[in-house]
mmCIF file of all heavy atoms, coordinates in Angstrom:
data_MODEL
# 
_entry.id   MODEL 
# 
loop_
_atom_site.group_PDB 
_atom_site.id 
_atom_site.type_symbol 
_atom_site.label_atom_id 
_atom_site.label_alt_id 
_atom_site.label_comp_id 
_atom_site.label_asym_id 
_atom_site.label_entity_id 
_atom_site.label_seq_id 
_atom_site.pdbx_PDB_ins_code 
_atom_site.Cartn_x 
_atom_site.Cartn_y 
_atom_site.Cartn_z 
_atom_site.occupancy 
_atom_site.B_iso_or_equiv 
_atom_site.pdbx_formal_charge 
_atom_site.auth_seq_id 
_atom_site.auth_comp_id 
_atom_site.auth_asym_id 
_atom_site.auth_atom_id 
_atom_site.pdbx_PDB_model_num 
ATOM 1   N N   . PRO A 1 1  ? -80.715 83.872 -162.272 1.00 0.00 ? 1  PRO A N   1 
ATOM 2   C CA  . PRO A 1 1  ? -79.512 84.726 -162.541 1.00 0.00 ? 1  PRO A CA  1 
ATOM 3   C C   . PRO A 1 1  ? -78.236 83.996 -162.253 1.00 0.00 ? 1  PRO A C   1 
ATOM 4   O O   . PRO A 1 1  ? -78.200 83.057 -161.432 1.00 0.00 ? 1  PRO A O   1 
ATOM 5   C CB  . PRO A 1 1  ? -79.825 85.925 -161.599 1.00 0.00 ? 1  PRO A CB  1 
ATOM 6   C CG  . PRO A 1 1  ? -80.526 85.324 -160.441 1.00 0.00 ? 1  PRO A CG  1 
ATOM 7   C CD  . PRO A 1 1  ? -81.380 84.262 -161.086 1.00 0.00 ? 1  PRO A CD  1 
ATOM 8   N N   . GLY A 1 2  ? -77.142 84.607 -162.734 1.00 0.00 ? 2  GLY A N   1 
ATOM 9   C CA  . GLY A 1 2  ? -75.844 84.044 -162.355 1.00 0.00 ? 2  GLY A CA  1 
ATOM 10  C C   . GLY A 1 2  ? -75.532 84.348 -160.908 1.00 0.00 ? 2  GLY A C   1 
ATOM 11  O O   . GLY A 1 2  ? -75.963 85.381 -160.352 1.00 0.00 ? 2  GLY A O   1 
ATOM 12  N N   . HIS A 1 3  ? -74.835 83.407 -160.264 1.00 0.00 ? 3  HIS A N   1 
ATOM 13  C CA  . HIS A 1 3  ? -74.579 83.554 -158.840 1.00 0.00 ? 3  HIS A CA  1 
ATOM 14  C C   . HIS A 1 3  ? -73.501 82.615 -158.394 1.00 0.00 ? 3  HIS A C   1 
ATOM 15  O O   . HIS A 1 3  ? -73.111 81.670 -159.166 1.00 0.00 ? 3  HIS A O   1 
ATOM 16  C CB  . HIS A 1 3  ? -75.835 83.283 -157.985 1.00 0.00 ? 3  HIS A CB  1 
ATOM 17  C CG  . HIS A 1 3  ? -76.373 81.897 -158.160 1.00 0.00 ? 3  HIS A CG  1 
ATOM 18  N ND1 . HIS A 1 3  ? -77.304 81.560 -159.221 1.00 0.00 ? 3  HIS A ND1 1 
ATOM 19  C CD2 . HIS A 1 3  ? -76.159 80.726 -157.533 1.00 0.00 ? 3  HIS A CD2 1 
ATOM 20  C CE1 . HIS A 1 3  ? -77.566 80.259 -159.054 1.00 0.00 ? 3  HIS A CE1 1 
ATOM 21  N NE2 . HIS A 1 3  ? -76.888 79.736 -158.101 1.00 0.00 ? 3  HIS A NE2 1 
ATOM 22  N N   . ASN A 1 4  ? -72.978 82.793 -157.201 1.00 0.00 ? 4  ASN A N   1 
ATOM 23  C CA  . ASN A 1 4  ? -72.019 81.878 -156.614 1.00 0.00 ? 4  ASN A CA  1 
ATOM 24  C C   . ASN A 1 4  ? -72.745 81.238 -155.332 1.00 0.00 ? 4  ASN A C   1 
ATOM 25  O O   . ASN A 1 4  ? -73.675 81.773 -154.834 1.00 0.00 ? 4  ASN A O   1 
ATOM 26  C CB  . ASN A 1 4  ? -70.792 82.643 -156.201 1.00 0.00 ? 4  ASN A CB  1 
ATOM 27  C CG  . ASN A 1 4  ? -69.991 83.132 -157.400 1.00 0.00 ? 4  ASN A CG  1 
ATOM 28  O OD1 . ASN A 1 4  ? -69.976 84.277 -157.613 1.00 0.00 ? 4  ASN A OD1 1 
ATOM 29  N ND2 . ASN A 1 4  ? -69.397 82.171 -158.141 1.00 0.00 ? 4  ASN A ND2 1 
ATOM 30  N N   . ILE A 1 5  ? -72.161 80.156 -154.893 1.00 0.00 ? 5  ILE A N   1 
ATOM 31  C CA  . ILE A 1 5  ? -72.744 79.506 -153.775 1.00 0.00 ? 5  ILE A CA  1 
ATOM 32  C C   . ILE A 1 5  ? -71.707 79.365 -152.689 1.00 0.00 ? 5  ILE A C   1 
ATOM 33  O O   . ILE A 1 5  ? -70.469 79.095 -152.900 1.00 0.00 ? 5  ILE A O   1 
ATOM 34  C CB  . ILE A 1 5  ? -73.158 78.050 -154.123 1.00 0.00 ? 5  ILE A CB  1 
ATOM 35  C CG1 . ILE A 1 5  ? -74.243 78.079 -155.220 1.00 0.00 ? 5  ILE A CG1 1 
ATOM 36  C CG2 . ILE A 1 5  ? -73.741 77.316 -152.931 1.00 0.00 ? 5  ILE A CG2 1 
ATOM 37  C CD1 . ILE A 1 5  ? -74.687 76.643 -155.799 1.00 0.00 ? 5  ILE A CD1 1 
ATOM 38  N N   . GLY A 1 6  ? -72.045 79.792 -151.421 1.00 0.00 ? 6  GLY A N   1 
ATOM 39  C CA  . GLY A 1 6  ? -71.209 79.764 -150.309 1.00 0.00 ? 6  GLY A CA  1 
ATOM 40  C C   . GLY A 1 6  ? -71.953 79.217 -149.092 1.00 0.00 ? 6  GLY A C   1 
ATOM 41  O O   . GLY A 1 6  ? -73.085 78.766 -149.213 1.00 0.00 ? 6  GLY A O   1 
ATOM 42  N N   . PHE A 1 7  ? -71.242 79.213 -148.034 1.00 0.00 ? 7  PHE A N   1 
ATOM 43  C CA  . PHE A 1 7  ? -71.725 78.728 -146.737 1.00 0.00 ? 7  PHE A CA  1 
ATOM 44  C C   . PHE A 1 7  ? -72.009 79.855 -145.743 1.00 0.00 ? 7  PHE A C   1 
ATOM 45  O O   . PHE A 1 7  ? -71.167 80.768 -145.683 1.00 0.00 ? 7  PHE A O   1 
ATOM 46  C CB  . PHE A 1 7  ? -70.851 77.625 -146.132 1.00 0.00 ? 7  PHE A CB  1 
ATOM 47  C CG  . PHE A 1 7  ? -70.718 76.339 -146.924 1.00 0.00 ? 7  PHE A CG  1 
ATOM 48  C CD1 . PHE A 1 7  ? -69.573 76.184 -147.821 1.00 0.00 ? 7  PHE A CD1 1 
ATOM 49  C CD2 . PHE A 1 7  ? -71.709 75.449 -146.962 1.00 0.00 ? 7  PHE A CD2 1 
ATOM 50  C CE1 . PHE A 1 7  ? -69.473 75.034 -148.552 1.00 0.00 ? 7  PHE A CE1 1 
ATOM 51  C CE2 . PHE A 1 7  ? -71.595 74.278 -147.752 1.00 0.00 ? 7  PHE A CE2 1 
ATOM 52  C CZ  . PHE A 1 7  ? -70.555 74.090 -148.579 1.00 0.00 ? 7  PHE A CZ  1 
ATOM 53  N N   . VAL A 1 8  ? -73.050 79.686 -144.981 1.00 0.00 ? 8  VAL A N   1 
ATOM 54  C CA  . VAL A 1 8  ? -73.465 80.733 -144.074 1.00 0.00 ? 8  VAL A CA  1 
ATOM 55  C C   . VAL A 1 8  ? -73.577 80.151 -142.651 1.00 0.00 ? 8  VAL A C   1 
ATOM 56  O O   . VAL A 1 8  ? -74.200 79.071 -142.461 1.00 0.00 ? 8  VAL A O   1 
ATOM 57  C CB  . VAL A 1 8  ? -74.846 81.369 -144.480 1.00 0.00 ? 8  VAL A CB  1 
ATOM 58  C CG1 . VAL A 1 8  ? -75.249 82.397 -143.545 1.00 0.00 ? 8  VAL A CG1 1 
ATOM 59  C CG2 . VAL A 1 8  ? -74.657 81.965 -145.840 1.00 0.00 ? 8  VAL A CG2 1 
ATOM 60  N N   . GLY A 1 9  ? -73.085 80.847 -141.578 1.00 0.00 ? 9  GLY A N   1 
ATOM 61  C CA  . GLY A 1 9  ? -73.267 80.443 -140.232 1.00 0.00 ? 9  GLY A CA  1 
ATOM 62  C C   . GLY A 1 9  ? -72.518 79.155 -139.851 1.00 0.00 ? 9  GLY A C   1 
ATOM 63  O O   . GLY A 1 9  ? -71.822 78.552 -140.591 1.00 0.00 ? 9  GLY A O   1 
ATOM 64  N N   . ASN A 1 10 ? -72.755 78.870 -138.562 1.00 0.00 ? 10 ASN A N   1 
ATOM 65  C CA  . ASN A 1 10 ? -72.114 77.660 -138.048 1.00 0.00 ? 10 ASN A CA  1 
ATOM 66  C C   . ASN A 1 10 ? -72.613 76.353 -138.559 1.00 0.00 ? 10 ASN A C   1 
ATOM 67  O O   . ASN A 1 10 ? -71.990 75.394 -138.605 1.00 0.00 ? 10 ASN A O   1 
ATOM 68  C CB  . ASN A 1 10 ? -72.294 77.653 -136.526 1.00 0.00 ? 10 ASN A CB  1 
ATOM 69  C CG  . ASN A 1 10 ? -71.523 78.850 -135.850 1.00 0.00 ? 10 ASN A CG  1 
ATOM 70  O OD1 . ASN A 1 10 ? -70.508 79.351 -136.313 1.00 0.00 ? 10 ASN A OD1 1 
ATOM 71  N ND2 . ASN A 1 10 ? -72.082 79.364 -134.698 1.00 0.00 ? 10 ASN A ND2 1 
ATOM 72  N N   . SER A 1 11 ? -73.898 76.448 -139.052 1.00 0.00 ? 11 SER A N   1 
ATOM 73  C CA  . SER A 1 11 ? -74.511 75.293 -139.633 1.00 0.00 ? 11 SER A CA  1 
ATOM 74  C C   . SER A 1 11 ? -74.024 75.016 -141.055 1.00 0.00 ? 11 SER A C   1 
ATOM 75  O O   . SER A 1 11 ? -74.307 73.966 -141.599 1.00 0.00 ? 11 SER A O   1 
ATOM 76  C CB  . SER A 1 11 ? -76.019 75.457 -139.707 1.00 0.00 ? 11 SER A CB  1 
ATOM 77  O OG  . SER A 1 11 ? -76.374 76.553 -140.564 1.00 0.00 ? 11 SER A OG  1 
ATOM 78  N N   . ARG A 1 12 ? -73.259 75.920 -141.584 1.00 0.00 ? 12 ARG A N   1 
ATOM 79  C CA  . ARG A 1 12 ? -72.663 75.750 -142.928 1.00 0.00 ? 12 ARG A CA  1 
ATOM 80  C C   . ARG A 1 12 ? -73.770 75.623 -143.943 1.00 0.00 ? 12 ARG A C   1 
ATOM 81  O O   . ARG A 1 12 ? -73.682 74.708 -144.816 1.00 0.00 ? 12 ARG A O   1 
ATOM 82  C CB  . ARG A 1 12 ? -71.673 74.538 -142.948 1.00 0.00 ? 12 ARG A CB  1 
ATOM 83  C CG  . ARG A 1 12 ? -70.552 74.672 -141.945 1.00 0.00 ? 12 ARG A CG  1 
ATOM 84  C CD  . ARG A 1 12 ? -69.625 75.802 -142.161 1.00 0.00 ? 12 ARG A CD  1 
ATOM 85  N NE  . ARG A 1 12 ? -68.877 75.497 -143.421 1.00 0.00 ? 12 ARG A NE  1 
ATOM 86  C CZ  . ARG A 1 12 ? -68.129 76.459 -143.924 1.00 0.00 ? 12 ARG A CZ  1 
ATOM 87  N NH1 . ARG A 1 12 ? -68.049 77.684 -143.417 1.00 0.00 ? 12 ARG A NH1 1 
ATOM 88  N NH2 . ARG A 1 12 ? -67.400 76.171 -145.013 1.00 0.00 ? 12 ARG A NH2 1 
ATOM 89  N N   . ARG A 1 13 ? -74.787 76.303 -143.816 1.00 0.00 ? 13 ARG A N   1 
ATOM 90  C CA  . ARG A 1 13 ? -75.915 76.242 -144.740 1.00 0.00 ? 13 ARG A CA  1 
ATOM 91  C C   . ARG A 1 13 ? -75.565 76.972 -146.051 1.00 0.00 ? 13 ARG A C   1 
ATOM 92  O O   . ARG A 1 13 ? -74.909 78.032 -145.978 1.00 0.00 ? 13 ARG A O   1 
ATOM 93  C CB  . ARG A 1 13 ? -77.182 76.849 -144.134 1.00 0.00 ? 13 ARG A CB  1 
ATOM 94  C CG  . ARG A 1 13 ? -78.350 77.000 -145.091 1.00 0.00 ? 13 ARG A CG  1 
ATOM 95  C CD  . ARG A 1 13 ? -79.487 77.639 -144.363 1.00 0.00 ? 13 ARG A CD  1 
ATOM 96  N NE  . ARG A 1 13 ? -79.260 78.857 -143.858 1.00 0.00 ? 13 ARG A NE  1 
ATOM 97  C CZ  . ARG A 1 13 ? -79.352 79.945 -144.644 1.00 0.00 ? 13 ARG A CZ  1 
ATOM 98  N NH1 . ARG A 1 13 ? -79.665 80.016 -145.860 1.00 0.00 ? 13 ARG A NH1 1 
ATOM 99  N NH2 . ARG A 1 13 ? -79.017 81.192 -143.975 1.00 0.00 ? 13 ARG A NH2 1 
ATOM 100 N N   . SER A 1 14 ? -75.784 76.370 -147.192 1.00 0.00 ? 14 SER A N   1 
ATOM 101 C CA  . SER A 1 14 ? -75.460 76.974 -148.447 1.00 0.00 ? 14 SER A CA  1 
ATOM 102 C C   . SER A 1 14 ? -76.376 78.163 -148.753 1.00 0.00 ? 14 SER A C   1 
ATOM 103 O O   . SER A 1 14 ? -77.594 78.090 -148.487 1.00 0.00 ? 14 SER A O   1 
ATOM 104 C CB  . SER A 1 14 ? -75.473 75.970 -149.578 1.00 0.00 ? 14 SER A CB  1 
ATOM 105 O OG  . SER A 1 14 ? -76.805 75.486 -149.760 1.00 0.00 ? 14 SER A OG  1 
ATOM 106 N N   . ASP A 1 15 ? -75.730 79.192 -149.361 1.00 0.00 ? 15 ASP A N   1 
ATOM 107 C CA  . ASP A 1 15 ? -76.592 80.324 -149.717 1.00 0.00 ? 15 ASP A CA  1 
ATOM 108 C C   . ASP A 1 15 ? -76.056 80.984 -150.986 1.00 0.00 ? 15 ASP A C   1 
ATOM 109 O O   . ASP A 1 15 ? -74.944 80.604 -151.417 1.00 0.00 ? 15 ASP A O   1 
ATOM 110 C CB  . ASP A 1 15 ? -76.671 81.335 -148.638 1.00 0.00 ? 15 ASP A CB  1 
ATOM 111 C CG  . ASP A 1 15 ? -77.911 82.241 -148.728 1.00 0.00 ? 15 ASP A CG  1 
ATOM 112 O OD1 . ASP A 1 15 ? -78.654 82.104 -149.718 1.00 0.00 ? 15 ASP A OD1 1 
ATOM 113 O OD2 . ASP A 1 15 ? -77.984 83.141 -147.835 1.00 0.00 ? 15 ASP A OD2 1 
ATOM 114 N N   . LEU A 1 16 ? -76.781 81.978 -151.609 1.00 0.00 ? 16 LEU A N   1 
ATOM 115 C CA  . LEU A 1 16 ? -76.264 82.528 -152.857 1.00 0.00 ? 16 LEU A CA  1 
ATOM 116 C C   . LEU A 1 16 ? -75.622 83.866 -152.529 1.00 0.00 ? 16 LEU A C   1 
ATOM 117 O O   . LEU A 1 16 ? -75.912 84.547 -151.567 1.00 0.00 ? 16 LEU A O   1 
ATOM 118 C CB  . LEU A 1 16 ? -77.546 82.848 -153.780 1.00 0.00 ? 16 LEU A CB  1 
ATOM 119 C CG  . LEU A 1 16 ? -78.512 81.660 -153.982 1.00 0.00 ? 16 LEU A CG  1 
ATOM 120 C CD1 . LEU A 1 16 ? -79.551 82.110 -154.953 1.00 0.00 ? 16 LEU A CD1 1 
ATOM 121 C CD2 . LEU A 1 16 ? -77.814 80.418 -154.397 1.00 0.00 ? 16 LEU A CD2 1 
ATOM 122 N N   . TYR A 1 17 ? -74.588 84.208 -153.287 1.00 0.00 ? 17 TYR A N   1 
ATOM 123 C CA  . TYR A 1 17 ? -74.038 85.560 -153.301 1.00 0.00 ? 17 TYR A CA  1 
ATOM 124 C C   . TYR A 1 17 ? -73.534 85.902 -154.651 1.00 0.00 ? 17 TYR A C   1 
ATOM 125 O O   . TYR A 1 17 ? -73.532 85.056 -155.606 1.00 0.00 ? 17 TYR A O   1 
ATOM 126 C CB  . TYR A 1 17 ? -72.953 85.580 -152.242 1.00 0.00 ? 17 TYR A CB  1 
ATOM 127 C CG  . TYR A 1 17 ? -71.653 84.801 -152.519 1.00 0.00 ? 17 TYR A CG  1 
ATOM 128 C CD1 . TYR A 1 17 ? -70.548 85.423 -153.060 1.00 0.00 ? 17 TYR A CD1 1 
ATOM 129 C CD2 . TYR A 1 17 ? -71.602 83.424 -152.379 1.00 0.00 ? 17 TYR A CD2 1 
ATOM 130 C CE1 . TYR A 1 17 ? -69.404 84.742 -153.473 1.00 0.00 ? 17 TYR A CE1 1 
ATOM 131 C CE2 . TYR A 1 17 ? -70.420 82.767 -152.702 1.00 0.00 ? 17 TYR A CE2 1 
ATOM 132 C CZ  . TYR A 1 17 ? -69.310 83.363 -153.192 1.00 0.00 ? 17 TYR A CZ  1 
ATOM 133 O OH  . TYR A 1 17 ? -68.222 82.715 -153.475 1.00 0.00 ? 17 TYR A OH  1 
ATOM 134 N N   . ASN A 1 18 ? -73.103 87.173 -154.804 1.00 0.00 ? 18 ASN A N   1 
ATOM 135 C CA  . ASN A 1 18 ? -72.633 87.665 -156.081 1.00 0.00 ? 18 ASN A CA  1 
ATOM 136 C C   . ASN A 1 18 ? -73.743 87.474 -157.226 1.00 0.00 ? 18 ASN A C   1 
ATOM 137 O O   . ASN A 1 18 ? -73.358 86.948 -158.326 1.00 0.00 ? 18 ASN A O   1 
ATOM 138 C CB  . ASN A 1 18 ? -71.359 87.038 -156.581 1.00 0.00 ? 18 ASN A CB  1 
ATOM 139 C CG  . ASN A 1 18 ? -70.060 87.566 -155.794 1.00 0.00 ? 18 ASN A CG  1 
ATOM 140 O OD1 . ASN A 1 18 ? -70.261 88.592 -155.088 1.00 0.00 ? 18 ASN A OD1 1 
ATOM 141 N ND2 . ASN A 1 18 ? -69.033 86.853 -155.936 1.00 0.00 ? 18 ASN A ND2 1 
ATOM 142 N N   . ILE A 1 19 ? -74.954 87.782 -156.768 1.00 0.00 ? 19 ILE A N   1 
ATOM 143 C CA  . ILE A 1 19 ? -76.043 87.634 -157.799 1.00 0.00 ? 19 ILE A CA  1 
ATOM 144 C C   . ILE A 1 19 ? -75.960 88.596 -158.872 1.00 0.00 ? 19 ILE A C   1 
ATOM 145 O O   . ILE A 1 19 ? -75.981 89.818 -158.545 1.00 0.00 ? 19 ILE A O   1 
ATOM 146 C CB  . ILE A 1 19 ? -77.472 87.582 -156.997 1.00 0.00 ? 19 ILE A CB  1 
ATOM 147 C CG1 . ILE A 1 19 ? -77.507 86.579 -156.029 1.00 0.00 ? 19 ILE A CG1 1 
ATOM 148 C CG2 . ILE A 1 19 ? -78.609 87.533 -157.988 1.00 0.00 ? 19 ILE A CG2 1 
ATOM 149 C CD1 . ILE A 1 19 ? -78.696 86.643 -155.005 1.00 0.00 ? 19 ILE A CD1 1 
ATOM 150 N N   . ASP A 1 20 ? -76.076 88.227 -160.131 1.00 0.00 ? 20 ASP A N   1 
ATOM 151 C CA  . ASP A 1 20 ? -75.996 89.075 -161.219 1.00 0.00 ? 20 ASP A CA  1 
ATOM 152 C C   . ASP A 1 20 ? -77.151 88.904 -162.158 1.00 0.00 ? 20 ASP A C   1 
ATOM 153 O O   . ASP A 1 20 ? -77.240 87.873 -162.893 1.00 0.00 ? 20 ASP A O   1 
ATOM 154 C CB  . ASP A 1 20 ? -74.652 88.853 -162.000 1.00 0.00 ? 20 ASP A CB  1 
ATOM 155 C CG  . ASP A 1 20 ? -74.471 89.800 -163.183 1.00 0.00 ? 20 ASP A CG  1 
ATOM 156 O OD1 . ASP A 1 20 ? -75.324 90.717 -163.365 1.00 0.00 ? 20 ASP A OD1 1 
ATOM 157 O OD2 . ASP A 1 20 ? -73.397 89.784 -163.777 1.00 0.00 ? 20 ASP A OD2 1 
ATOM 158 N N   . PHE A 1 21 ? -78.100 89.771 -162.087 1.00 0.00 ? 21 PHE A N   1 
ATOM 159 C CA  . PHE A 1 21 ? -79.364 89.645 -162.909 1.00 0.00 ? 21 PHE A CA  1 
ATOM 160 C C   . PHE A 1 21 ? -79.230 89.926 -164.406 1.00 0.00 ? 21 PHE A C   1 
ATOM 161 O O   . PHE A 1 21 ? -80.009 89.670 -165.161 1.00 0.00 ? 21 PHE A O   1 
ATOM 162 C CB  . PHE A 1 21 ? -80.444 90.657 -162.328 1.00 0.00 ? 21 PHE A CB  1 
ATOM 163 C CG  . PHE A 1 21 ? -80.901 90.286 -161.010 1.00 0.00 ? 21 PHE A CG  1 
ATOM 164 C CD1 . PHE A 1 21 ? -80.597 91.102 -159.909 1.00 0.00 ? 21 PHE A CD1 1 
ATOM 165 C CD2 . PHE A 1 21 ? -81.704 89.179 -160.756 1.00 0.00 ? 21 PHE A CD2 1 
ATOM 166 C CE1 . PHE A 1 21 ? -81.053 90.861 -158.726 1.00 0.00 ? 21 PHE A CE1 1 
ATOM 167 C CE2 . PHE A 1 21 ? -82.143 88.871 -159.488 1.00 0.00 ? 21 PHE A CE2 1 
ATOM 168 C CZ  . PHE A 1 21 ? -81.768 89.737 -158.423 1.00 0.00 ? 21 PHE A CZ  1 
ATOM 169 N N   . THR A 1 22 ? -78.013 90.403 -164.801 1.00 0.00 ? 22 THR A N   1 
ATOM 170 C CA  . THR A 1 22 ? -77.734 90.703 -166.300 1.00 0.00 ? 22 THR A CA  1 
ATOM 171 C C   . THR A 1 22 ? -77.170 89.460 -166.980 1.00 0.00 ? 22 THR A C   1 
ATOM 172 O O   . THR A 1 22 ? -77.105 89.522 -168.205 1.00 0.00 ? 22 THR A O   1 
ATOM 173 C CB  . THR A 1 22 ? -76.712 91.858 -166.353 1.00 0.00 ? 22 THR A CB  1 
ATOM 174 O OG1 . THR A 1 22 ? -75.481 91.479 -165.848 1.00 0.00 ? 22 THR A OG1 1 
ATOM 175 C CG2 . THR A 1 22 ? -77.291 93.053 -165.606 1.00 0.00 ? 22 THR A CG2 1 
ATOM 176 N N   . ARG A 1 23 ? -76.938 88.394 -166.242 1.00 0.00 ? 23 ARG A N   1 
ATOM 177 C CA  . ARG A 1 23 ? -76.486 87.154 -166.901 1.00 0.00 ? 23 ARG A CA  1 
ATOM 178 C C   . ARG A 1 23 ? -77.247 85.966 -166.350 1.00 0.00 ? 23 ARG A C   1 
ATOM 179 O O   . ARG A 1 23 ? -77.652 86.058 -165.157 1.00 0.00 ? 23 ARG A O   1 
ATOM 180 C CB  . ARG A 1 23 ? -74.894 87.019 -166.774 1.00 0.00 ? 23 ARG A CB  1 
ATOM 181 C CG  . ARG A 1 23 ? -74.449 86.777 -165.404 1.00 0.00 ? 23 ARG A CG  1 
ATOM 182 C CD  . ARG A 1 23 ? -72.915 86.629 -165.319 1.00 0.00 ? 23 ARG A CD  1 
ATOM 183 N NE  . ARG A 1 23 ? -72.488 86.453 -163.958 1.00 0.00 ? 23 ARG A NE  1 
ATOM 184 C CZ  . ARG A 1 23 ? -72.388 85.224 -163.340 1.00 0.00 ? 23 ARG A CZ  1 
ATOM 185 N NH1 . ARG A 1 23 ? -72.736 84.136 -163.975 1.00 0.00 ? 23 ARG A NH1 1 
ATOM 186 N NH2 . ARG A 1 23 ? -71.963 85.138 -162.118 1.00 0.00 ? 23 ARG A NH2 1 
ATOM 187 N N   . SER A 1 24 ? -77.391 84.991 -167.114 1.00 0.00 ? 24 SER A N   1 
ATOM 188 C CA  . SER A 1 24 ? -78.163 83.821 -166.644 1.00 0.00 ? 24 SER A CA  1 
ATOM 189 C C   . SER A 1 24 ? -77.201 82.777 -165.949 1.00 0.00 ? 24 SER A C   1 
ATOM 190 O O   . SER A 1 24 ? -75.989 82.926 -166.036 1.00 0.00 ? 24 SER A O   1 
ATOM 191 C CB  . SER A 1 24 ? -78.848 83.154 -167.813 1.00 0.00 ? 24 SER A CB  1 
ATOM 192 O OG  . SER A 1 24 ? -77.848 82.639 -168.748 1.00 0.00 ? 24 SER A OG  1 
# 
């Protein structure tokens, strides 16, 4: 699905957000 990539926590680990299942 469509999504954005951001950083999470002090380790700056990348993660997904704004996940949209209606678009690829």
